[in-house]
Structure formats: structure tokens, C-alpha cells
Amino acid sequence: MVIVLVVVPDALEGRVGLALARIIGWAVAFPIWLLIVERNWQARFGPIARFALQVPLWVAAALVADWISGQARINLG
């Protein structure tokens, strides 16, 4: 997740702007999450447990991706 949320916006930022690039990053990350993770979680957890576990994971992934992107911008000047 974090890789997609870092790489996609950074690759697109020069063409479409950072805000739109981040939206596209989420649009790419979401179906990947659904195909790879969600199917397994549906078999193990109910909807409330999935929600309670996934929301913090998505928020953490977004914060880590934002931090990585910020550090890269600082180091690249």
C-alpha cells in the first residue's frame, strides 16, 4: 500500500499536480487492496472487525506515504 501511495503520486506530480496525483494513487491502491487483501479478510473477519482493522491501516499507510514523500522532497531540495 505504502509503495503505491508513494510511487504513483511522485511519478505523476509533474504532469497533474500533487493533489490529483494523490487521488490517482488512492484509485490505484484501492483495487489492489481489494484483490489481494480484502478477499482473505472477508473469510476471517466480519464487516465491523474489518472496518475497525482496515481504517487504521489505511490512515497509517497514507501518513507514512506522505512522510516518505515529504522526506524525499526535503532531500532532493
PDB file of N, CA and C in Angstrom:
ATOM      1  N   MET A   1       0.817  -1.190   0.000  1.00  0.00           N
ATOM      2  CA  MET A   1       0.000   0.000   0.000  1.00  0.00           C
ATOM      3  C   MET A   1       0.861   1.255   0.000  1.00  0.00           C
ATOM      4  N   VAL A   2       1.787   1.294   0.929  1.00  0.00           N
ATOM      5  CA  VAL A   2       2.619   2.493   1.047  1.00  0.00           C
ATOM      6  C   VAL A   2       3.407   2.726  -0.238  1.00  0.00           C
ATOM      7  N   ILE A   3       3.894   1.659  -0.820  1.00  0.00           N
ATOM      8  CA  ILE A   3       4.673   1.800  -2.056  1.00  0.00           C
ATOM      9  C   ILE A   3       3.828   2.442  -3.148  1.00  0.00           C
ATOM     10  N   VAL A   4       2.611   1.970  -3.319  1.00  0.00           N
ATOM     11  CA  VAL A   4       1.729   2.541  -4.341  1.00  0.00           C
ATOM     12  C   VAL A   4       1.417   3.995  -4.024  1.00  0.00           C
ATOM     13  N   LEU A   5       1.168   4.294  -2.743  1.00  0.00           N
ATOM     14  CA  LEU A   5       0.811   5.652  -2.351  1.00  0.00           C
ATOM     15  C   LEU A   5       1.990   6.620  -2.408  1.00  0.00           C
ATOM     16  N   VAL A   6       3.199   6.092  -2.530  1.00  0.00           N
ATOM     17  CA  VAL A   6       4.379   6.949  -2.706  1.00  0.00           C
ATOM     18  C   VAL A   6       4.751   7.052  -4.180  1.00  0.00           C
ATOM     19  N   VAL A   7       4.856   5.918  -4.843  1.00  0.00           N
ATOM     20  CA  VAL A   7       5.384   5.887  -6.206  1.00  0.00           C
ATOM     21  C   VAL A   7       4.441   6.549  -7.212  1.00  0.00           C
ATOM     22  N   VAL A   8       3.173   6.217  -7.167  1.00  0.00           N
ATOM     23  CA  VAL A   8       2.233   6.751  -8.164  1.00  0.00           C
ATOM     24  C   VAL A   8       2.144   8.282  -8.100  1.00  0.00           C
ATOM     25  N   PRO A   9       1.892   8.876  -6.921  1.00  0.00           N
ATOM     26  CA  PRO A   9       1.829  10.341  -6.905  1.00  0.00           C
ATOM     27  C   PRO A   9       3.152  11.013  -7.285  1.00  0.00           C
ATOM     28  N   ASP A  10       4.267  10.462  -6.833  1.00  0.00           N
ATOM     29  CA  ASP A  10       5.555  11.066  -7.181  1.00  0.00           C
ATOM     30  C   ASP A  10       5.821  10.983  -8.685  1.00  0.00           C
ATOM     31  N   ALA A  11       5.383   9.913  -9.307  1.00  0.00           N
ATOM     32  CA  ALA A  11       5.593   9.766 -10.747  1.00  0.00           C
ATOM     33  C   ALA A  11       4.696  10.712 -11.545  1.00  0.00           C
ATOM     34  N   LEU A  12       3.519  11.008 -11.022  1.00  0.00           N
ATOM     35  CA  LEU A  12       2.549  11.826 -11.764  1.00  0.00           C
ATOM     36  C   LEU A  12       2.555  13.301 -11.379  1.00  0.00           C
ATOM     37  N   GLU A  13       3.222  13.645 -10.304  1.00  0.00           N
ATOM     38  CA  GLU A  13       3.135  15.005  -9.761  1.00  0.00           C
ATOM     39  C   GLU A  13       3.482  16.087 -10.776  1.00  0.00           C
ATOM     40  N   GLY A  14       4.500  15.880 -11.588  1.00  0.00           N
ATOM     41  CA  GLY A  14       4.901  16.886 -12.564  1.00  0.00           C
ATOM     42  C   GLY A  14       3.886  17.105 -13.670  1.00  0.00           C
ATOM     43  N   ARG A  15       3.044  16.115 -13.919  1.00  0.00           N
ATOM     44  CA  ARG A  15       2.075  16.197 -15.014  1.00  0.00           C
ATOM     45  C   ARG A  15       0.714  16.722 -14.585  1.00  0.00           C
ATOM     46  N   VAL A  16       0.252  16.329 -13.386  1.00  0.00           N
ATOM     47  CA  VAL A  16      -1.116  16.652 -12.994  1.00  0.00           C
ATOM     48  C   VAL A  16      -1.228  17.405 -11.675  1.00  0.00           C
ATOM     49  N   GLY A  17      -0.149  17.676 -10.995  1.00  0.00           N
ATOM     50  CA  GLY A  17      -0.209  18.324  -9.691  1.00  0.00           C
ATOM     51  C   GLY A  17      -0.310  17.299  -8.578  1.00  0.00           C
ATOM     52  N   LEU A  18       0.152  17.681  -7.401  1.00  0.00           N
ATOM     53  CA  LEU A  18       0.246  16.727  -6.292  1.00  0.00           C
ATOM     54  C   LEU A  18      -1.116  16.237  -5.813  1.00  0.00           C
ATOM     55  N   ALA A  19      -2.094  17.120  -5.690  1.00  0.00           N
ATOM     56  CA  ALA A  19      -3.403  16.709  -5.173  1.00  0.00           C
ATOM     57  C   ALA A  19      -4.052  15.658  -6.074  1.00  0.00           C
ATOM     58  N   LEU A  20      -4.077  15.910  -7.360  1.00  0.00           N
ATOM     59  CA  LEU A  20      -4.671  14.944  -8.292  1.00  0.00           C
ATOM     60  C   LEU A  20      -3.843  13.668  -8.358  1.00  0.00           C
ATOM     61  N   ALA A  21      -2.524  13.800  -8.269  1.00  0.00           N
ATOM     62  CA  ALA A  21      -1.652  12.624  -8.287  1.00  0.00           C
ATOM     63  C   ALA A  21      -1.926  11.729  -7.085  1.00  0.00           C
ATOM     64  N   ARG A  22      -2.192  12.330  -5.934  1.00  0.00           N
ATOM     65  CA  ARG A  22      -2.523  11.523  -4.744  1.00  0.00           C
ATOM     66  C   ARG A  22      -3.873  10.827  -4.897  1.00  0.00           C
ATOM     67  N   ILE A  23      -4.826  11.494  -5.510  1.00  0.00           N
ATOM     68  CA  ILE A  23      -6.134  10.868  -5.761  1.00  0.00           C
ATOM     69  C   ILE A  23      -5.963   9.673  -6.696  1.00  0.00           C
ATOM     70  N   ILE A  24      -5.170   9.843  -7.720  1.00  0.00           N
ATOM     71  CA  ILE A  24      -4.907   8.730  -8.641  1.00  0.00           C
ATOM     72  C   ILE A  24      -4.193   7.600  -7.914  1.00  0.00           C
ATOM     73  N   GLY A  25      -3.266   7.940  -7.019  1.00  0.00           N
ATOM     74  CA  GLY A  25      -2.587   6.919  -6.213  1.00  0.00           C
ATOM     75  C   GLY A  25      -3.563   6.097  -5.394  1.00  0.00           C
ATOM     76  N   TRP A  26      -4.531   6.772  -4.746  1.00  0.00           N
ATOM     77  CA  TRP A  26      -5.561   6.054  -3.994  1.00  0.00           C
ATOM     78  C   TRP A  26      -6.433   5.211  -4.925  1.00  0.00           C
ATOM     79  N   ALA A  27      -6.723   5.737  -6.118  1.00  0.00           N
ATOM     80  CA  ALA A  27      -7.535   4.991  -7.082  1.00  0.00           C
ATOM     81  C   ALA A  27      -6.818   3.731  -7.558  1.00  0.00           C
ATOM     82  N   VAL A  28      -5.506   3.752  -7.581  1.00  0.00           N
ATOM     83  CA  VAL A  28      -4.731   2.562  -7.956  1.00  0.00           C
ATOM     84  C   VAL A  28      -4.609   1.614  -6.760  1.00  0.00           C
ATOM     85  N   ALA A  29      -4.384   2.166  -5.576  1.00  0.00           N
ATOM     86  CA  ALA A  29      -4.164   1.335  -4.382  1.00  0.00           C
ATOM     87  C   ALA A  29      -5.422   0.578  -3.960  1.00  0.00           C
ATOM     88  N   PHE A  30      -6.574   1.209  -4.091  1.00  0.00           N
ATOM     89  CA  PHE A  30      -7.810   0.592  -3.620  1.00  0.00           C
ATOM     90  C   PHE A  30      -8.123  -0.737  -4.298  1.00  0.00           C
ATOM     91  N   PRO A  31      -8.103  -0.826  -5.644  1.00  0.00           N
ATOM     92  CA  PRO A  31      -8.402  -2.128  -6.262  1.00  0.00           C
ATOM     93  C   PRO A  31      -7.338  -3.182  -5.947  1.00  0.00           C
ATOM     94  N   ILE A  32      -6.092  -2.753  -5.796  1.00  0.00           N
ATOM     95  CA  ILE A  32      -5.050  -3.713  -5.418  1.00  0.00           C
ATOM     96  C   ILE A  32      -5.371  -4.293  -4.048  1.00  0.00           C
ATOM     97  N   TRP A  33      -5.770  -3.422  -3.117  1.00  0.00           N
ATOM     98  CA  TRP A  33      -6.154  -3.873  -1.776  1.00  0.00           C
ATOM     99  C   TRP A  33      -7.325  -4.849  -1.863  1.00  0.00           C
ATOM    100  N   LEU A  34      -8.327  -4.508  -2.655  1.00  0.00           N
ATOM    101  CA  LEU A  34      -9.498  -5.376  -2.765  1.00  0.00           C
ATOM    102  C   LEU A  34      -9.143  -6.743  -3.322  1.00  0.00           C
ATOM    103  N   LEU A  35      -8.302  -6.784  -4.339  1.00  0.00           N
ATOM    104  CA  LEU A  35      -7.956  -8.057  -4.964  1.00  0.00           C
ATOM    105  C   LEU A  35      -7.049  -8.921  -4.099  1.00  0.00           C
ATOM    106  N   ILE A  36      -6.133  -8.308  -3.398  1.00  0.00           N
ATOM    107  CA  ILE A  36      -5.136  -9.085  -2.672  1.00  0.00           C
ATOM    108  C   ILE A  36      -5.529  -9.341  -1.225  1.00  0.00           C
ATOM    109  N   VAL A  37      -5.996  -8.330  -0.522  1.00  0.00           N
ATOM    110  CA  VAL A  37      -6.199  -8.449   0.922  1.00  0.00           C
ATOM    111  C   VAL A  37      -7.646  -8.712   1.297  1.00  0.00           C
ATOM    112  N   GLU A  38      -8.552  -7.970   0.711  1.00  0.00           N
ATOM    113  CA  GLU A  38      -9.945  -7.998   1.161  1.00  0.00           C
ATOM    114  C   GLU A  38     -10.577  -9.387   1.090  1.00  0.00           C
ATOM    115  N   ARG A  39     -10.303 -10.137   0.055  1.00  0.00           N
ATOM    116  CA  ARG A  39     -10.898 -11.481  -0.060  1.00  0.00           C
ATOM    117  C   ARG A  39     -10.505 -12.371   1.111  1.00  0.00           C
ATOM    118  N   ASN A  40      -9.235 -12.315   1.502  1.00  0.00           N
ATOM    119  CA  ASN A  40      -8.783 -13.119   2.632  1.00  0.00           C
ATOM    120  C   ASN A  40      -9.397 -12.635   3.938  1.00  0.00           C
ATOM    121  N   TRP A  41      -9.524 -11.341   4.098  1.00  0.00           N
ATOM    122  CA  TRP A  41     -10.089 -10.788   5.325  1.00  0.00           C
ATOM    123  C   TRP A  41     -11.579 -11.096   5.439  1.00  0.00           C
ATOM    124  N   GLN A  42     -12.294 -11.150   4.319  1.00  0.00           N
ATOM    125  CA  GLN A  42     -13.725 -11.473   4.365  1.00  0.00           C
ATOM    126  C   GLN A  42     -13.951 -12.864   4.925  1.00  0.00           C
ATOM    127  N   ALA A  43     -13.045 -13.782   4.631  1.00  0.00           N
ATOM    128  CA  ALA A  43     -13.184 -15.145   5.120  1.00  0.00           C
ATOM    129  C   ALA A  43     -12.881 -15.241   6.615  1.00  0.00           C
ATOM    130  N   ARG A  44     -12.106 -14.307   7.150  1.00  0.00           N
ATOM    131  CA  ARG A  44     -11.661 -14.398   8.547  1.00  0.00           C
ATOM    132  C   ARG A  44     -12.406 -13.475   9.503  1.00  0.00           C
ATOM    133  N   PHE A  45     -12.842 -12.320   9.015  1.00  0.00           N
ATOM    134  CA  PHE A  45     -13.413 -11.303   9.898  1.00  0.00           C
ATOM    135  C   PHE A  45     -14.783 -10.869   9.406  1.00  0.00           C
ATOM    136  N   GLY A  46     -15.612 -10.433  10.331  1.00  0.00           N
ATOM    137  CA  GLY A  46     -16.903  -9.847   9.979  1.00  0.00           C
ATOM    138  C   GLY A  46     -16.720  -8.416   9.497  1.00  0.00           C
ATOM    139  N   PRO A  47     -17.799  -7.810   9.028  1.00  0.00           N
ATOM    140  CA  PRO A  47     -17.676  -6.461   8.453  1.00  0.00           C
ATOM    141  C   PRO A  47     -17.230  -5.401   9.466  1.00  0.00           C
ATOM    142  N   ILE A  48     -17.703  -5.478  10.681  1.00  0.00           N
ATOM    143  CA  ILE A  48     -17.324  -4.476  11.686  1.00  0.00           C
ATOM    144  C   ILE A  48     -15.854  -4.622  12.063  1.00  0.00           C
ATOM    145  N   ALA A  49     -15.396  -5.842  12.244  1.00  0.00           N
ATOM    146  CA  ALA A  49     -13.986  -6.076  12.570  1.00  0.00           C
ATOM    147  C   ALA A  49     -13.086  -5.638  11.417  1.00  0.00           C
ATOM    148  N   ARG A  50     -13.497  -5.931  10.195  1.00  0.00           N
ATOM    149  CA  ARG A  50     -12.704  -5.495   9.033  1.00  0.00           C
ATOM    150  C   ARG A  50     -12.592  -3.987   8.985  1.00  0.00           C
ATOM    151  N   PHE A  51     -13.710  -3.305   9.200  1.00  0.00           N
ATOM    152  CA  PHE A  51     -13.706  -1.852   9.195  1.00  0.00           C
ATOM    153  C   PHE A  51     -12.775  -1.318  10.290  1.00  0.00           C
ATOM    154  N   ALA A  52     -12.910  -1.881  11.479  1.00  0.00           N
ATOM    155  CA  ALA A  52     -12.102  -1.426  12.614  1.00  0.00           C
ATOM    156  C   ALA A  52     -10.609  -1.679  12.398  1.00  0.00           C
ATOM    157  N   LEU A  53     -10.265  -2.710  11.673  1.00  0.00           N
ATOM    158  CA  LEU A  53      -8.860  -3.011  11.397  1.00  0.00           C
ATOM    159  C   LEU A  53      -8.339  -2.251  10.178  1.00  0.00           C
ATOM    160  N   GLN A  54      -9.153  -2.095   9.172  1.00  0.00           N
ATOM    161  CA  GLN A  54      -8.686  -1.510   7.919  1.00  0.00           C
ATOM    162  C   GLN A  54      -8.558   0.006   7.956  1.00  0.00           C
ATOM    163  N   VAL A  55      -9.444   0.679   8.637  1.00  0.00           N
ATOM    164  CA  VAL A  55      -9.364   2.139   8.675  1.00  0.00           C
ATOM    165  C   VAL A  55      -8.029   2.602   9.262  1.00  0.00           C
ATOM    166  N   PRO A  56      -7.607   2.066  10.414  1.00  0.00           N
ATOM    167  CA  PRO A  56      -6.288   2.493  10.912  1.00  0.00           C
ATOM    168  C   PRO A  56      -5.141   2.113   9.974  1.00  0.00           C
ATOM    169  N   LEU A  57      -5.249   0.987   9.293  1.00  0.00           N
ATOM    170  CA  LEU A  57      -4.195   0.603   8.355  1.00  0.00           C
ATOM    171  C   LEU A  57      -4.128   1.569   7.174  1.00  0.00           C
ATOM    172  N   TRP A  58      -5.273   1.951   6.635  1.00  0.00           N
ATOM    173  CA  TRP A  58      -5.301   2.892   5.509  1.00  0.00           C
ATOM    174  C   TRP A  58      -4.785   4.267   5.935  1.00  0.00           C
ATOM    175  N   VAL A  59      -5.196   4.717   7.113  1.00  0.00           N
ATOM    176  CA  VAL A  59      -4.730   6.020   7.602  1.00  0.00           C
ATOM    177  C   VAL A  59      -3.225   5.977   7.833  1.00  0.00           C
ATOM    178  N   ALA A  60      -2.734   4.897   8.439  1.00  0.00           N
ATOM    179  CA  ALA A  60      -1.303   4.757   8.674  1.00  0.00           C
ATOM    180  C   ALA A  60      -0.534   4.716   7.359  1.00  0.00           C
ATOM    181  N   ALA A  61      -1.045   4.001   6.378  1.00  0.00           N
ATOM    182  CA  ALA A  61      -0.383   3.936   5.072  1.00  0.00           C
ATOM    183  C   ALA A  61      -0.320   5.317   4.439  1.00  0.00           C
ATOM    184  N   ALA A  62      -1.396   6.082   4.540  1.00  0.00           N
ATOM    185  CA  ALA A  62      -1.416   7.435   3.970  1.00  0.00           C
ATOM    186  C   ALA A  62      -0.419   8.339   4.682  1.00  0.00           C
ATOM    187  N   LEU A  63      -0.366   8.254   5.998  1.00  0.00           N
ATOM    188  CA  LEU A  63       0.558   9.097   6.755  1.00  0.00           C
ATOM    189  C   LEU A  63       2.014   8.735   6.482  1.00  0.00           C
ATOM    190  N   VAL A  64       2.300   7.447   6.421  1.00  0.00           N
ATOM    191  CA  VAL A  64       3.668   7.012   6.121  1.00  0.00           C
ATOM    192  C   VAL A  64       4.054   7.426   4.702  1.00  0.00           C
ATOM    193  N   ALA A  65       3.157   7.252   3.748  1.00  0.00           N
ATOM    194  CA  ALA A  65       3.444   7.649   2.367  1.00  0.00           C
ATOM    195  C   ALA A  65       3.680   9.154   2.278  1.00  0.00           C
ATOM    196  N   ASP A  66       2.878   9.938   2.984  1.00  0.00           N
ATOM    197  CA  ASP A  66       3.063  11.386   2.979  1.00  0.00           C
ATOM    198  C   ASP A  66       4.405  11.758   3.610  1.00  0.00           C
ATOM    199  N   TRP A  67       4.769  11.090   4.682  1.00  0.00           N
ATOM    200  CA  TRP A  67       6.043  11.351   5.342  1.00  0.00           C
ATOM    201  C   TRP A  67       7.216  11.006   4.415  1.00  0.00           C
ATOM    202  N   ILE A  68       7.137   9.854   3.743  1.00  0.00           N
ATOM    203  CA  ILE A  68       8.203   9.450   2.817  1.00  0.00           C
ATOM    204  C   ILE A  68       8.329  10.465   1.685  1.00  0.00           C
ATOM    205  N   SER A  69       7.211  10.873   1.122  1.00  0.00           N
ATOM    206  CA  SER A  69       7.243  11.858   0.035  1.00  0.00           C
ATOM    207  C   SER A  69       7.832  13.178   0.524  1.00  0.00           C
ATOM    208  N   GLY A  70       7.456  13.586   1.720  1.00  0.00           N
ATOM    209  CA  GLY A  70       7.995  14.820   2.285  1.00  0.00           C
ATOM    210  C   GLY A  70       9.495  14.740   2.509  1.00  0.00           C
ATOM    211  N   GLN A  71       9.975  13.603   3.003  1.00  0.00           N
ATOM    212  CA  GLN A  71      11.401  13.420   3.215  1.00  0.00           C
ATOM    213  C   GLN A  71      12.158  13.433   1.886  1.00  0.00           C
ATOM    214  N   ALA A  72      11.574  12.844   0.869  1.00  0.00           N
ATOM    215  CA  ALA A  72      12.219  12.835  -0.443  1.00  0.00           C
ATOM    216  C   ALA A  72      12.316  14.244  -1.000  1.00  0.00           C
ATOM    217  N   ARG A  73      11.264  15.051  -0.807  1.00  0.00           N
ATOM    218  CA  ARG A  73      11.289  16.439  -1.291  1.00  0.00           C
ATOM    219  C   ARG A  73      12.346  17.265  -0.548  1.00  0.00           C
ATOM    220  N   ILE A  74      12.477  17.035   0.759  1.00  0.00           N
ATOM    221  CA  ILE A  74      13.474  17.749   1.555  1.00  0.00           C
ATOM    222  C   ILE A  74      14.880  17.381   1.082  1.00  0.00           C
ATOM    223  N   ASN A  75      15.115  16.090   0.877  1.00  0.00           N
ATOM    224  CA  ASN A  75      16.448  15.636   0.499  1.00  0.00           C
ATOM    225  C   ASN A  75      16.815  16.009  -0.938  1.00  0.00           C
ATOM    226  N   LEU A  76      15.818  16.111  -1.810  1.00  0.00           N
ATOM    227  CA  LEU A  76      16.094  16.486  -3.192  1.00  0.00           C
ATOM    228  C   LEU A  76      16.152  17.998  -3.386  1.00  0.00           C
ATOM    229  N   GLY A  77      15.722  18.708  -2.371  1.00  0.00           N
ATOM    230  CA  GLY A  77      15.816  20.161  -2.383  1.00  0.00           C
ATOM    231  C   GLY A  77      14.691  20.793  -3.065  1.00  0.00           C
TER     232      GLY A  77
END
